[in-house]
Amino acid sequence: MVELDDERLDAVFHALADSTRRTMLQLLAQGECSVGELGAPFRMSFAGASKHVKALERAGLVSRTVQGRAHVCRLEPAALASANAWLRYYEGFWNNHLDALEKELRRKASRGK
């Protein structure tokens, strides 16, 4: 199995479990955004948006820099790659098991003819 830092992976899946944060990541995939810009579609305060950004930062999904008064966020895709690697392991597991099931069902069907 793929070995990953469990705490980081937990943080990534926790961050991805919230639809607001997933939408923020989609916005960041288009380019850098301020915290205010990330919160705007949800009509939330800077403090509310900042809490979501902090969860994304803890997961390593986002980095934030301060430029004057603006807090600018950037997508950090490496953490998503780690989560994808974990998911791909189970994709292979299920594909192998479903392929074996299909083979067995075809074998039984050919005997029943």
Protein backbone atom coordinates (compact mmCIF):
# COMPACT_ATOMS: atom_id res chain seq x y z
CA MET A 1 0.00 0.00 0.00
CA VAL A 2 1.05 3.58 -0.58
CA GLU A 3 2.55 4.97 2.63
CA LEU A 4 1.70 8.60 3.30
CA ASP A 5 1.81 10.99 6.20
CA ASP A 6 -1.48 10.11 7.93
CA GLU A 7 -1.99 13.48 9.58
CA ARG A 8 -1.51 15.35 6.30
CA LEU A 9 -3.80 12.94 4.47
CA ASP A 10 -6.45 13.32 7.19
CA ALA A 11 -6.20 17.10 6.84
CA VAL A 12 -6.56 16.88 3.05
CA PHE A 13 -9.69 14.74 3.24
CA HIS A 14 -11.10 16.93 6.02
CA ALA A 15 -10.55 20.01 3.86
CA LEU A 16 -12.08 18.33 0.80
CA ALA A 17 -15.14 17.22 2.79
CA ASP A 18 -16.52 20.76 2.75
CA SER A 19 -18.17 22.02 -0.43
CA THR A 20 -17.16 25.63 0.26
CA ARG A 21 -13.50 24.64 0.42
CA ARG A 22 -13.81 22.51 -2.73
CA THR A 23 -15.24 25.53 -4.54
CA MET A 24 -12.39 27.67 -3.24
CA LEU A 25 -9.92 25.15 -4.66
CA GLN A 26 -11.70 25.33 -8.02
CA LEU A 27 -11.34 29.11 -7.99
CA LEU A 28 -7.66 28.81 -7.11
CA ALA A 29 -7.11 26.36 -9.96
CA GLN A 30 -7.83 29.32 -12.25
CA GLY A 31 -5.20 31.49 -10.53
CA GLU A 32 -4.32 33.31 -7.35
CA CYS A 33 -7.15 34.90 -5.34
CA SER A 34 -7.38 37.03 -2.27
CA VAL A 35 -9.20 35.64 0.76
CA GLY A 36 -11.94 38.19 0.08
CA GLU A 37 -12.32 36.95 -3.50
CA LEU A 38 -12.56 33.37 -2.27
CA GLY A 39 -15.31 34.30 0.17
CA ALA A 40 -17.27 36.52 -2.23
CA PRO A 41 -19.32 33.77 -3.95
CA PHE A 42 -20.57 32.72 -0.51
CA ARG A 43 -21.22 36.25 0.78
CA MET A 44 -19.11 35.48 3.82
CA SER A 45 -16.96 37.77 5.89
CA PHE A 46 -13.20 37.90 5.60
CA ALA A 47 -13.01 36.06 8.95
CA GLY A 48 -15.31 33.28 7.69
CA ALA A 49 -13.38 32.89 4.44
CA SER A 50 -10.11 32.98 6.37
CA LYS A 51 -11.21 30.03 8.52
CA HIS A 52 -11.81 27.96 5.38
CA VAL A 53 -8.46 29.05 3.96
CA LYS A 54 -6.73 28.03 7.20
CA ALA A 55 -8.18 24.51 6.87
CA LEU A 56 -6.87 24.40 3.29
CA GLU A 57 -3.46 25.66 4.48
CA ARG A 58 -3.26 23.03 7.26
CA ALA A 59 -3.87 20.40 4.58
CA GLY A 60 -1.09 21.87 2.42
CA LEU A 61 -3.59 22.55 -0.37
CA VAL A 62 -3.14 26.32 -0.30
CA SER A 63 -0.36 28.76 0.50
CA ARG A 64 -1.07 32.32 1.57
CA THR A 65 1.12 35.39 1.25
CA VAL A 66 0.41 38.85 2.58
CA GLN A 67 0.83 41.65 0.05
CA GLY A 68 0.09 44.87 1.86
CA ARG A 69 -3.41 44.41 3.26
CA ALA A 70 -4.32 41.64 0.83
CA HIS A 71 -3.96 37.97 1.77
CA VAL A 72 -3.29 36.23 -1.56
CA CYS A 73 -3.81 32.48 -1.86
CA ARG A 74 -2.27 30.02 -4.30
CA LEU A 75 -3.19 26.40 -4.99
CA GLU A 76 -0.54 23.88 -3.91
CA PRO A 77 -1.31 20.75 -5.95
CA ALA A 78 1.22 18.41 -4.27
CA ALA A 79 -1.19 17.63 -1.42
CA LEU A 80 -3.88 16.71 -3.96
CA ALA A 81 -1.39 14.41 -5.65
CA SER A 82 -0.85 12.61 -2.33
CA ALA A 83 -4.58 12.13 -1.86
CA ASN A 84 -4.88 10.96 -5.45
CA ALA A 85 -2.14 8.38 -4.88
CA TRP A 86 -4.03 7.04 -1.87
CA LEU A 87 -7.27 6.82 -3.87
CA ARG A 88 -5.55 5.19 -6.85
CA TYR A 89 -4.38 2.34 -4.64
CA TYR A 90 -8.01 1.53 -3.85
CA GLU A 91 -9.03 2.06 -7.45
CA GLY A 92 -6.61 -0.73 -8.39
CA PHE A 93 -7.89 -2.89 -5.54
CA TRP A 94 -11.51 -2.57 -6.69
CA ASN A 95 -10.67 -2.94 -10.37
CA ASN A 96 -8.86 -6.21 -9.66
CA HIS A 97 -11.74 -7.53 -7.58
CA LEU A 98 -14.39 -6.47 -10.07
CA ASP A 99 -12.40 -7.99 -12.93
CA ALA A 100 -12.22 -11.27 -11.01
CA LEU A 101 -15.98 -11.12 -10.36
CA GLU A 102 -16.67 -10.46 -14.04
CA LYS A 103 -14.47 -13.39 -15.02
CA GLU A 104 -16.29 -15.70 -12.59
CA LEU A 105 -19.73 -14.56 -13.78
CA ARG A 106 -18.74 -15.10 -17.42
CA ARG A 107 -17.39 -18.54 -16.53
CA LYS A 108 -20.66 -19.49 -14.79
CA ALA A 109 -22.74 -18.08 -17.63
CA SER A 110 -20.81 -20.08 -20.23
CA ARG A 111 -21.39 -23.29 -18.23
CA GLY A 112 -25.11 -22.58 -18.01
CA LYS A 113 -25.62 -22.43 -21.78
